[in-house]
PDB file of all heavy atoms in Angstrom:
ATOM      1  N   ALA A   1      77.334 -40.255 -60.473  1.00  0.00           N
ATOM      2  CA  ALA A   1      78.026 -41.440 -59.953  1.00  0.00           C
ATOM      3  C   ALA A   1      79.514 -41.222 -60.021  1.00  0.00           C
ATOM      4  O   ALA A   1      80.017 -40.636 -61.007  1.00  0.00           O
ATOM      5  CB  ALA A   1      77.650 -42.692 -60.787  1.00  0.00           C
ATOM      6  N   GLY A   2      80.203 -41.695 -59.016  1.00  0.00           N
ATOM      7  CA  GLY A   2      81.635 -41.481 -58.860  1.00  0.00           C
ATOM      8  C   GLY A   2      81.861 -40.261 -57.953  1.00  0.00           C
ATOM      9  O   GLY A   2      81.323 -39.177 -58.230  1.00  0.00           O
ATOM     10  N   SER A   3      82.578 -40.444 -56.858  1.00  0.00           N
ATOM     11  CA  SER A   3      82.740 -39.352 -55.914  1.00  0.00           C
ATOM     12  C   SER A   3      84.117 -39.395 -55.269  1.00  0.00           C
ATOM     13  O   SER A   3      84.720 -40.450 -55.070  1.00  0.00           O
ATOM     14  CB  SER A   3      81.646 -39.418 -54.847  1.00  0.00           C
ATOM     15  OG  SER A   3      81.641 -40.675 -54.220  1.00  0.00           O
ATOM     16  N   VAL A   4      84.589 -38.194 -54.922  1.00  0.00           N
ATOM     17  CA  VAL A   4      85.837 -37.997 -54.210  1.00  0.00           C
ATOM     18  C   VAL A   4      85.610 -36.941 -53.121  1.00  0.00           C
ATOM     19  O   VAL A   4      84.661 -36.153 -53.218  1.00  0.00           O
ATOM     20  CB  VAL A   4      86.996 -37.592 -55.153  1.00  0.00           C
ATOM     21  CG1 VAL A   4      87.386 -38.701 -56.041  1.00  0.00           C
ATOM     22  CG2 VAL A   4      86.634 -36.325 -55.917  1.00  0.00           C
ATOM     23  N   PRO A   5      86.490 -36.835 -52.131  1.00  0.00           N
ATOM     24  CA  PRO A   5      86.302 -35.820 -51.097  1.00  0.00           C
ATOM     25  C   PRO A   5      86.597 -34.415 -51.664  1.00  0.00           C
ATOM     26  O   PRO A   5      87.220 -34.269 -52.703  1.00  0.00           O
ATOM     27  CB  PRO A   5      87.365 -36.180 -50.026  1.00  0.00           C
ATOM     28  CG  PRO A   5      87.786 -37.565 -50.369  1.00  0.00           C
ATOM     29  CD  PRO A   5      87.604 -37.739 -51.832  1.00  0.00           C
ATOM     30  N   ARG A   6      86.195 -33.416 -50.904  1.00  0.00           N
ATOM     31  CA  ARG A   6      86.630 -32.041 -51.145  1.00  0.00           C
ATOM     32  C   ARG A   6      88.006 -31.873 -50.559  1.00  0.00           C
ATOM     33  O   ARG A   6      88.383 -32.503 -49.557  1.00  0.00           O
ATOM     34  CB  ARG A   6      85.673 -31.040 -50.478  1.00  0.00           C
ATOM     35  CG  ARG A   6      84.286 -30.942 -51.083  1.00  0.00           C
ATOM     36  CD  ARG A   6      84.302 -30.427 -52.519  1.00  0.00           C
ATOM     37  NE  ARG A   6      84.965 -29.167 -52.669  1.00  0.00           N
ATOM     38  CZ  ARG A   6      84.331 -27.975 -52.599  1.00  0.00           C
ATOM     39  NH1 ARG A   6      83.026 -27.935 -52.394  1.00  0.00           N
ATOM     40  NH2 ARG A   6      84.976 -26.854 -52.831  1.00  0.00           N
ATOM     41  N   GLY A   7      88.806 -30.974 -51.142  1.00  0.00           N
ATOM     42  CA  GLY A   7      90.081 -30.656 -50.571  1.00  0.00           C
ATOM     43  C   GLY A   7      90.012 -29.419 -49.689  1.00  0.00           C
ATOM     44  O   GLY A   7      88.949 -28.759 -49.596  1.00  0.00           O
ATOM     45  N   ASP A   8      91.115 -29.154 -49.000  1.00  0.00           N
ATOM     46  CA  ASP A   8      91.154 -27.983 -48.149  1.00  0.00           C
ATOM     47  C   ASP A   8      91.345 -26.677 -48.982  1.00  0.00           C
ATOM     48  O   ASP A   8      91.077 -25.576 -48.453  1.00  0.00           O
ATOM     49  CB  ASP A   8      92.292 -28.099 -47.154  1.00  0.00           C
ATOM     50  CG  ASP A   8      92.033 -29.229 -46.135  1.00  0.00           C
ATOM     51  OD1 ASP A   8      90.875 -29.501 -45.844  1.00  0.00           O
ATOM     52  OD2 ASP A   8      93.064 -29.792 -45.640  1.00  0.00           O
ATOM     53  N   THR A   9      91.826 -26.815 -50.170  1.00  0.00           N
ATOM     54  CA  THR A   9      92.011 -25.668 -51.066  1.00  0.00           C
ATOM     55  C   THR A   9      91.458 -25.982 -52.434  1.00  0.00           C
ATOM     56  O   THR A   9      91.168 -27.147 -52.756  1.00  0.00           O
ATOM     57  CB  THR A   9      93.513 -25.346 -51.206  1.00  0.00           C
ATOM     58  OG1 THR A   9      94.194 -26.439 -51.845  1.00  0.00           O
ATOM     59  CG2 THR A   9      94.151 -25.124 -49.817  1.00  0.00           C
ATOM     60  N   SER A  10      91.329 -24.963 -53.253  1.00  0.00           N
ATOM     61  CA  SER A  10      90.843 -25.181 -54.635  1.00  0.00           C
ATOM     62  C   SER A  10      91.808 -26.078 -55.406  1.00  0.00           C
ATOM     63  O   SER A  10      91.393 -26.876 -56.257  1.00  0.00           O
ATOM     64  CB  SER A  10      90.631 -23.861 -55.329  1.00  0.00           C
ATOM     65  OG  SER A  10      91.839 -23.114 -55.397  1.00  0.00           O
ATOM     66  N   THR A  11      93.116 -25.951 -55.131  1.00  0.00           N
ATOM     67  CA  THR A  11      94.063 -26.790 -55.786  1.00  0.00           C
ATOM     68  C   THR A  11      93.907 -28.262 -55.439  1.00  0.00           C
ATOM     69  O   THR A  11      93.946 -29.125 -56.291  1.00  0.00           O
ATOM     70  CB  THR A  11      95.517 -26.327 -55.433  1.00  0.00           C
ATOM     71  OG1 THR A  11      95.677 -24.984 -55.814  1.00  0.00           O
ATOM     72  CG2 THR A  11      96.521 -27.225 -56.115  1.00  0.00           C
ATOM     73  N   GLU A  12      93.634 -28.524 -54.184  1.00  0.00           N
ATOM     74  CA  GLU A  12      93.370 -29.919 -53.751  1.00  0.00           C
ATOM     75  C   GLU A  12      92.052 -30.414 -54.342  1.00  0.00           C
ATOM     76  O   GLU A  12      91.953 -31.587 -54.698  1.00  0.00           O
ATOM     77  CB  GLU A  12      93.342 -29.990 -52.214  1.00  0.00           C
ATOM     78  CG  GLU A  12      94.673 -29.794 -51.574  1.00  0.00           C
ATOM     79  CD  GLU A  12      94.639 -29.898 -50.048  1.00  0.00           C
ATOM     80  OE1 GLU A  12      93.539 -30.246 -49.550  1.00  0.00           O
ATOM     81  OE2 GLU A  12      95.660 -29.636 -49.402  1.00  0.00           O
ATOM     82  N   ASP A  13      91.061 -29.511 -54.391  1.00  0.00           N
ATOM     83  CA  ASP A  13      89.774 -29.935 -55.034  1.00  0.00           C
ATOM     84  C   ASP A  13      90.048 -30.399 -56.472  1.00  0.00           C
ATOM     85  O   ASP A  13      89.560 -31.465 -56.875  1.00  0.00           O
ATOM     86  CB  ASP A  13      88.852 -28.696 -55.114  1.00  0.00           C
ATOM     87  CG  ASP A  13      87.899 -28.673 -53.948  1.00  0.00           C
ATOM     88  OD1 ASP A  13      87.862 -29.597 -53.137  1.00  0.00           O
ATOM     89  OD2 ASP A  13      87.147 -27.640 -53.824  1.00  0.00           O
ATOM     90  N   GLU A  14      90.772 -29.630 -57.225  1.00  0.00           N
ATOM     91  CA  GLU A  14      91.040 -29.970 -58.611  1.00  0.00           C
ATOM     92  C   GLU A  14      91.891 -31.236 -58.742  1.00  0.00           C
ATOM     93  O   GLU A  14      91.681 -32.027 -59.670  1.00  0.00           O
ATOM     94  CB  GLU A  14      91.753 -28.806 -59.298  1.00  0.00           C
ATOM     95  CG  GLU A  14      90.864 -27.610 -59.577  1.00  0.00           C
ATOM     96  CD  GLU A  14      89.653 -27.969 -60.402  1.00  0.00           C
ATOM     97  OE1 GLU A  14      89.784 -28.772 -61.328  1.00  0.00           O
ATOM     98  OE2 GLU A  14      88.544 -27.469 -60.114  1.00  0.00           O
ATOM     99  N   ALA A  15      92.791 -31.448 -57.783  1.00  0.00           N
ATOM    100  CA  ALA A  15      93.631 -32.656 -57.828  1.00  0.00           C
ATOM    101  C   ALA A  15      92.716 -33.916 -57.657  1.00  0.00           C
ATOM    102  O   ALA A  15      92.863 -34.893 -58.360  1.00  0.00           O
ATOM    103  CB  ALA A  15      94.680 -32.622 -56.767  1.00  0.00           C
ATOM    104  N   HIS A  16      91.748 -33.821 -56.719  1.00  0.00           N
ATOM    105  CA  HIS A  16      90.817 -34.928 -56.550  1.00  0.00           C
ATOM    106  C   HIS A  16      89.992 -35.173 -57.808  1.00  0.00           C
ATOM    107  O   HIS A  16      89.757 -36.282 -58.243  1.00  0.00           O
ATOM    108  CB  HIS A  16      89.880 -34.650 -55.351  1.00  0.00           C
ATOM    109  CG  HIS A  16      90.503 -34.794 -54.016  1.00  0.00           C
ATOM    110  ND1 HIS A  16      91.220 -35.916 -53.656  1.00  0.00           N
ATOM    111  CD2 HIS A  16      90.522 -33.945 -52.971  1.00  0.00           C
ATOM    112  CE1 HIS A  16      91.658 -35.759 -52.389  1.00  0.00           C
ATOM    113  NE2 HIS A  16      91.266 -34.582 -51.955  1.00  0.00           N
ATOM    114  N   VAL A  17      89.517 -34.066 -58.398  1.00  0.00           N
ATOM    115  CA  VAL A  17      88.689 -34.174 -59.608  1.00  0.00           C
ATOM    116  C   VAL A  17      89.477 -34.757 -60.749  1.00  0.00           C
ATOM    117  O   VAL A  17      88.981 -35.666 -61.485  1.00  0.00           O
ATOM    118  CB  VAL A  17      88.132 -32.798 -60.000  1.00  0.00           C
ATOM    119  CG1 VAL A  17      87.534 -32.838 -61.400  1.00  0.00           C
ATOM    120  CG2 VAL A  17      87.075 -32.356 -58.987  1.00  0.00           C
ATOM    121  N   GLU A  18      90.719 -34.330 -60.946  1.00  0.00           N
ATOM    122  CA  GLU A  18      91.524 -34.847 -62.029  1.00  0.00           C
ATOM    123  C   GLU A  18      91.788 -36.347 -61.857  1.00  0.00           C
ATOM    124  O   GLU A  18      91.815 -37.066 -62.844  1.00  0.00           O
ATOM    125  CB  GLU A  18      92.835 -34.071 -62.131  1.00  0.00           C
ATOM    126  CG  GLU A  18      92.654 -32.640 -62.711  1.00  0.00           C
ATOM    127  CD  GLU A  18      91.918 -32.690 -64.020  1.00  0.00           C
ATOM    128  OE1 GLU A  18      92.297 -33.483 -64.896  1.00  0.00           O
ATOM    129  OE2 GLU A  18      90.950 -31.896 -64.171  1.00  0.00           O
ATOM    130  N   ARG A  19      91.985 -36.730 -60.609  1.00  0.00           N
ATOM    131  CA  ARG A  19      92.162 -38.182 -60.328  1.00  0.00           C
ATOM    132  C   ARG A  19      90.874 -38.952 -60.739  1.00  0.00           C
ATOM    133  O   ARG A  19      90.974 -40.031 -61.331  1.00  0.00           O
ATOM    134  CB  ARG A  19      92.456 -38.413 -58.872  1.00  0.00           C
ATOM    135  CG  ARG A  19      92.522 -39.863 -58.454  1.00  0.00           C
ATOM    136  CD  ARG A  19      93.031 -40.028 -57.018  1.00  0.00           C
ATOM    137  NE  ARG A  19      92.175 -39.408 -56.044  1.00  0.00           N
ATOM    138  CZ  ARG A  19      91.130 -40.068 -55.517  1.00  0.00           C
ATOM    139  NH1 ARG A  19      90.856 -41.327 -55.858  1.00  0.00           N
ATOM    140  NH2 ARG A  19      90.382 -39.501 -54.588  1.00  0.00           N
ATOM    141  N   MET A  20      89.749 -38.378 -60.460  1.00  0.00           N
ATOM    142  CA  MET A  20      88.463 -39.038 -60.744  1.00  0.00           C
ATOM    143  C   MET A  20      88.251 -39.088 -62.266  1.00  0.00           C
ATOM    144  O   MET A  20      87.789 -40.089 -62.795  1.00  0.00           O
ATOM    145  CB  MET A  20      87.331 -38.316 -60.064  1.00  0.00           C
ATOM    146  CG  MET A  20      85.979 -38.990 -60.203  1.00  0.00           C
ATOM    147  SD  MET A  20      84.747 -38.363 -58.998  1.00  0.00           S
ATOM    148  CE  MET A  20      84.816 -36.618 -59.256  1.00  0.00           C
ATOM    149  N   ARG A  21      88.562 -37.998 -62.945  1.00  0.00           N
ATOM    150  CA  ARG A  21      88.372 -37.961 -64.393  1.00  0.00           C
ATOM    151  C   ARG A  21      89.284 -38.971 -65.086  1.00  0.00           C
ATOM    152  O   ARG A  21      88.874 -39.541 -66.115  1.00  0.00           O
ATOM    153  CB  ARG A  21      88.691 -36.565 -64.936  1.00  0.00           C
ATOM    154  CG  ARG A  21      87.643 -35.496 -64.596  1.00  0.00           C
ATOM    155  CD  ARG A  21      87.955 -34.223 -65.372  1.00  0.00           C
ATOM    156  NE  ARG A  21      87.185 -33.093 -65.001  1.00  0.00           N
ATOM    157  CZ  ARG A  21      85.960 -32.835 -65.433  1.00  0.00           C
ATOM    158  NH1 ARG A  21      85.349 -33.674 -66.250  1.00  0.00           N
ATOM    159  NH2 ARG A  21      85.314 -31.740 -65.068  1.00  0.00           N
ATOM    160  N   ALA A  22      90.488 -39.158 -64.583  1.00  0.00           N
ATOM    161  CA  ALA A  22      91.471 -40.012 -65.254  1.00  0.00           C
ATOM    162  C   ALA A  22      91.371 -41.486 -64.841  1.00  0.00           C
ATOM    163  O   ALA A  22      91.968 -42.323 -65.519  1.00  0.00           O
ATOM    164  CB  ALA A  22      92.851 -39.482 -64.959  1.00  0.00           C
ATOM    165  N   ASP A  23      90.632 -41.762 -63.769  1.00  0.00           N
ATOM    166  CA  ASP A  23      90.606 -43.110 -63.237  1.00  0.00           C
ATOM    167  C   ASP A  23      89.574 -43.986 -64.020  1.00  0.00           C
ATOM    168  O   ASP A  23      88.390 -43.640 -64.114  1.00  0.00           O
ATOM    169  CB  ASP A  23      90.214 -43.047 -61.778  1.00  0.00           C
ATOM    170  CG  ASP A  23      90.381 -44.392 -61.076  1.00  0.00           C
ATOM    171  OD1 ASP A  23      89.509 -45.273 -61.288  1.00  0.00           O
ATOM    172  OD2 ASP A  23      91.357 -44.575 -60.318  1.00  0.00           O
ATOM    173  N   ALA A  24      90.028 -45.121 -64.507  1.00  0.00           N
ATOM    174  CA  ALA A  24      89.143 -46.020 -65.283  1.00  0.00           C
ATOM    175  C   ALA A  24      87.994 -46.533 -64.465  1.00  0.00           C
ATOM    176  O   ALA A  24      86.879 -46.698 -64.987  1.00  0.00           O
ATOM    177  CB  ALA A  24      89.987 -47.174 -65.843  1.00  0.00           C
ATOM    178  N   LYS A  25      88.225 -46.816 -63.176  1.00  0.00           N
ATOM    179  CA  LYS A  25      87.151 -47.328 -62.321  1.00  0.00           C
ATOM    180  C   LYS A  25      86.018 -46.287 -62.174  1.00  0.00           C
ATOM    181  O   LYS A  25      84.839 -46.608 -62.319  1.00  0.00           O
ATOM    182  CB  LYS A  25      87.735 -47.687 -60.965  1.00  0.00           C
ATOM    183  CG  LYS A  25      86.694 -48.270 -59.973  1.00  0.00           C
ATOM    184  CD  LYS A  25      86.439 -47.263 -58.873  1.00  0.00           C
ATOM    185  CE  LYS A  25      85.534 -47.845 -57.809  1.00  0.00           C
ATOM    186  NZ  LYS A  25      85.100 -46.872 -56.812  1.00  0.00           N
ATOM    187  N   PHE A  26      86.393 -45.013 -61.931  1.00  0.00           N
ATOM    188  CA  PHE A  26      85.373 -43.969 -61.795  1.00  0.00           C
ATOM    189  C   PHE A  26      84.617 -43.797 -63.097  1.00  0.00           C
ATOM    190  O   PHE A  26      83.375 -43.655 -63.130  1.00  0.00           O
ATOM    191  CB  PHE A  26      86.034 -42.652 -61.430  1.00  0.00           C
ATOM    192  CG  PHE A  26      86.373 -42.551 -59.963  1.00  0.00           C
ATOM    193  CD1 PHE A  26      87.717 -42.470 -59.564  1.00  0.00           C
ATOM    194  CD2 PHE A  26      85.433 -42.548 -58.974  1.00  0.00           C
ATOM    195  CE1 PHE A  26      88.057 -42.357 -58.232  1.00  0.00           C
ATOM    196  CE2 PHE A  26      85.771 -42.469 -57.627  1.00  0.00           C
ATOM    197  CZ  PHE A  26      87.109 -42.367 -57.266  1.00  0.00           C
ATOM    198  N   GLN A  27      85.333 -43.768 -64.224  1.00  0.00           N
ATOM    199  CA  GLN A  27      84.700 -43.531 -65.522  1.00  0.00           C
ATOM    200  C   GLN A  27      83.803 -44.721 -65.920  1.00  0.00           C
ATOM    201  O   GLN A  27      82.725 -44.478 -66.526  1.00  0.00           O
ATOM    202  CB  GLN A  27      85.767 -43.284 -66.574  1.00  0.00           C
ATOM    203  CG  GLN A  27      86.492 -41.977 -66.427  1.00  0.00           C
ATOM    204  CD  GLN A  27      85.567 -40.774 -66.513  1.00  0.00           C
ATOM    205  OE1 GLN A  27      84.594 -40.797 -67.250  1.00  0.00           O
ATOM    206  NE2 GLN A  27      85.863 -39.717 -65.737  1.00  0.00           N
ATOM    207  N   GLN A  28      84.209 -45.926 -65.569  1.00  0.00           N
ATOM    208  CA  GLN A  28      83.349 -47.078 -65.873  1.00  0.00           C
ATOM    209  C   GLN A  28      82.059 -46.981 -65.063  1.00  0.00           C
ATOM    210  O   GLN A  28      80.974 -47.205 -65.612  1.00  0.00           O
ATOM    211  CB  GLN A  28      84.067 -48.372 -65.558  1.00  0.00           C
ATOM    212  CG  GLN A  28      83.217 -49.628 -65.790  1.00  0.00           C
ATOM    213  CD  GLN A  28      83.732 -50.888 -65.127  1.00  0.00           C
ATOM    214  OE1 GLN A  28      84.584 -50.799 -64.254  1.00  0.00           O
ATOM    215  NE2 GLN A  28      83.190 -51.998 -65.555  1.00  0.00           N
ATOM    216  N   GLU A  29      82.184 -46.702 -63.770  1.00  0.00           N
ATOM    217  CA  GLU A  29      81.016 -46.596 -62.926  1.00  0.00           C
ATOM    218  C   GLU A  29      80.041 -45.535 -63.450  1.00  0.00           C
ATOM    219  O   GLU A  29      78.852 -45.735 -63.528  1.00  0.00           O
ATOM    220  CB  GLU A  29      81.460 -46.253 -61.482  1.00  0.00           C
ATOM    221  CG  GLU A  29      80.312 -46.141 -60.515  1.00  0.00           C
ATOM    222  CD  GLU A  29      80.766 -45.707 -59.125  1.00  0.00           C
ATOM    223  OE1 GLU A  29      82.004 -45.590 -58.905  1.00  0.00           O
ATOM    224  OE2 GLU A  29      79.885 -45.474 -58.257  1.00  0.00           O
ATOM    225  N   HIS A  30      80.594 -44.373 -63.793  1.00  0.00           N
ATOM    226  CA  HIS A  30      79.762 -43.287 -64.291  1.00  0.00           C
ATOM    227  C   HIS A  30      79.128 -43.630 -65.656  1.00  0.00           C
ATOM    228  O   HIS A  30      77.967 -43.385 -65.916  1.00  0.00           O
ATOM    229  CB  HIS A  30      80.558 -41.993 -64.383  1.00  0.00           C
ATOM    230  CG  HIS A  30      79.721 -40.806 -64.679  1.00  0.00           C
ATOM    231  ND1 HIS A  30      79.030 -40.132 -63.711  1.00  0.00           N
ATOM    232  CD2 HIS A  30      79.491 -40.137 -65.864  1.00  0.00           C
ATOM    233  CE1 HIS A  30      78.383 -39.124 -64.277  1.00  0.00           C
ATOM    234  NE2 HIS A  30      78.634 -39.088 -65.576  1.00  0.00           N
ATOM    235  N   GLY A  31      79.950 -44.202 -66.518  1.00  0.00           N
ATOM    236  CA  GLY A  31      79.476 -44.553 -67.858  1.00  0.00           C
ATOM    237  C   GLY A  31      78.319 -45.546 -67.847  1.00  0.00           C
ATOM    238  O   GLY A  31      77.404 -45.482 -68.652  1.00  0.00           O
ATOM    239  N   LEU A  32      78.379 -46.500 -66.906  1.00  0.00           N
ATOM    240  CA  LEU A  32      77.265 -47.472 -66.781  1.00  0.00           C
ATOM    241  C   LEU A  32      75.959 -46.760 -66.464  1.00  0.00           C
ATOM    242  O   LEU A  32      74.883 -47.119 -66.973  1.00  0.00           O
ATOM    243  CB  LEU A  32      77.567 -48.480 -65.680  1.00  0.00           C
ATOM    244  CG  LEU A  32      78.664 -49.494 -66.005  1.00  0.00           C
ATOM    245  CD1 LEU A  32      78.979 -50.322 -64.738  1.00  0.00           C
ATOM    246  CD2 LEU A  32      78.255 -50.449 -67.144  1.00  0.00           C
ATOM    247  N   VAL A  33      76.016 -45.739 -65.634  1.00  0.00           N
ATOM    248  CA  VAL A  33      74.795 -44.981 -65.295  1.00  0.00           C
ATOM    249  C   VAL A  33      74.271 -44.207 -66.488  1.00  0.00           C
ATOM    250  O   VAL A  33      73.067 -44.214 -66.810  1.00  0.00           O
ATOM    251  CB  VAL A  33      75.036 -44.042 -64.097  1.00  0.00           C
ATOM    252  CG1 VAL A  33      73.772 -43.239 -63.747  1.00  0.00           C
ATOM    253  CG2 VAL A  33      75.509 -44.836 -62.858  1.00  0.00           C
ATOM    254  N   VAL A  34      75.164 -43.527 -67.188  1.00  0.00           N
ATOM    255  CA  VAL A  34      74.742 -42.749 -68.361  1.00  0.00           C
ATOM    256  C   VAL A  34      74.126 -43.657 -69.408  1.00  0.00           C
ATOM    257  O   VAL A  34      73.027 -43.380 -69.943  1.00  0.00           O
ATOM    258  CB  VAL A  34      75.988 -42.010 -68.969  1.00  0.00           C
ATOM    259  CG1 VAL A  34      75.565 -41.350 -70.292  1.00  0.00           C
ATOM    260  CG2 VAL A  34      76.498 -40.960 -68.015  1.00  0.00           C
ATOM    261  N   ASP A  35      74.737 -44.752 -69.685  1.00  0.00           N
ATOM    262  CA  ASP A  35      74.240 -45.689 -70.717  1.00  0.00           C
ATOM    263  C   ASP A  35      72.869 -46.242 -70.314  1.00  0.00           C
ATOM    264  O   ASP A  35      71.998 -46.404 -71.164  1.00  0.00           O
ATOM    265  CB  ASP A  35      75.209 -46.859 -70.928  1.00  0.00           C
ATOM    266  CG  ASP A  35      76.514 -46.391 -71.595  1.00  0.00           C
ATOM    267  OD1 ASP A  35      76.524 -45.266 -72.173  1.00  0.00           O
ATOM    268  OD2 ASP A  35      77.520 -47.159 -71.535  1.00  0.00           O
ATOM    269  N   ALA A  36      72.715 -46.592 -69.034  1.00  0.00           N
ATOM    270  CA  ALA A  36      71.442 -47.180 -68.589  1.00  0.00           C
ATOM    271  C   ALA A  36      70.341 -46.165 -68.708  1.00  0.00           C
ATOM    272  O   ALA A  36      69.219 -46.473 -69.143  1.00  0.00           O
ATOM    273  CB  ALA A  36      71.584 -47.685 -67.173  1.00  0.00           C
ATOM    274  N   ILE A  37      70.563 -44.917 -68.294  1.00  0.00           N
ATOM    275  CA  ILE A  37      69.492 -43.885 -68.395  1.00  0.00           C
ATOM    276  C   ILE A  37      69.136 -43.660 -69.886  1.00  0.00           C
ATOM    277  O   ILE A  37      67.960 -43.548 -70.205  1.00  0.00           O
ATOM    278  CB  ILE A  37      69.976 -42.585 -67.751  1.00  0.00           C
ATOM    279  CG1 ILE A  37      70.094 -42.790 -66.226  1.00  0.00           C
ATOM    280  CG2 ILE A  37      69.009 -41.428 -68.024  1.00  0.00           C
ATOM    281  CD1 ILE A  37      70.676 -41.589 -65.469  1.00  0.00           C
ATOM    282  N   ARG A  38      70.118 -43.606 -70.746  1.00  0.00           N
ATOM    283  CA  ARG A  38      69.881 -43.435 -72.161  1.00  0.00           C
ATOM    284  C   ARG A  38      68.971 -44.555 -72.662  1.00  0.00           C
ATOM    285  O   ARG A  38      68.012 -44.331 -73.384  1.00  0.00           O
ATOM    286  CB  ARG A  38      71.175 -43.412 -72.924  1.00  0.00           C
ATOM    287  CG  ARG A  38      70.968 -43.168 -74.430  1.00  0.00           C
ATOM    288  CD  ARG A  38      72.239 -43.439 -75.192  1.00  0.00           C
ATOM    289  NE  ARG A  38      73.271 -42.413 -74.979  1.00  0.00           N
ATOM    290  CZ  ARG A  38      74.424 -42.641 -74.365  1.00  0.00           C
ATOM    291  NH1 ARG A  38      74.711 -43.856 -73.911  1.00  0.00           N
ATOM    292  NH2 ARG A  38      75.306 -41.666 -74.236  1.00  0.00           N
ATOM    293  N   GLU A  39      69.311 -45.775 -72.310  1.00  0.00           N
ATOM    294  CA  GLU A  39      68.541 -46.934 -72.761  1.00  0.00           C
ATOM    295  C   GLU A  39      67.106 -46.966 -72.203  1.00  0.00           C
ATOM    296  O   GLU A  39      66.157 -47.349 -72.868  1.00  0.00           O
ATOM    297  CB  GLU A  39      69.254 -48.216 -72.423  1.00  0.00           C
ATOM    298  CG  GLU A  39      70.577 -48.422 -73.140  1.00  0.00           C
ATOM    299  CD  GLU A  39      71.362 -49.622 -72.637  1.00  0.00           C
ATOM    300  OE1 GLU A  39      70.836 -50.316 -71.749  1.00  0.00           O
ATOM    301  OE2 GLU A  39      72.497 -49.821 -73.111  1.00  0.00           O
ATOM    302  N   GLN A  40      66.987 -46.517 -70.937  1.00  0.00           N
ATOM    303  CA  GLN A  40      65.670 -46.517 -70.311  1.00  0.00           C
ATOM    304  C   GLN A  40      64.758 -45.438 -70.861  1.00  0.00           C
ATOM    305  O   GLN A  40      63.505 -45.642 -70.965  1.00  0.00           O
ATOM    306  CB  GLN A  40      65.832 -46.328 -68.790  1.00  0.00           C
ATOM    307  CG  GLN A  40      66.451 -47.543 -68.095  1.00  0.00           C
ATOM    308  CD  GLN A  40      67.065 -47.205 -66.733  1.00  0.00           C
ATOM    309  OE1 GLN A  40      67.471 -46.056 -66.496  1.00  0.00           O
ATOM    310  NE2 GLN A  40      67.128 -48.196 -65.879  1.00  0.00           N
TER     311      GLN A  40
END
């Protein structure tokens, strides 16, 4: 859960990923999925 586009270069790829890792909205969305699977 949580997605961003691919970049044209590996540097752009990593920039998208770092934005996703640091973004509270992405981390909240992903964390909800992890917690639910653990509980289930």
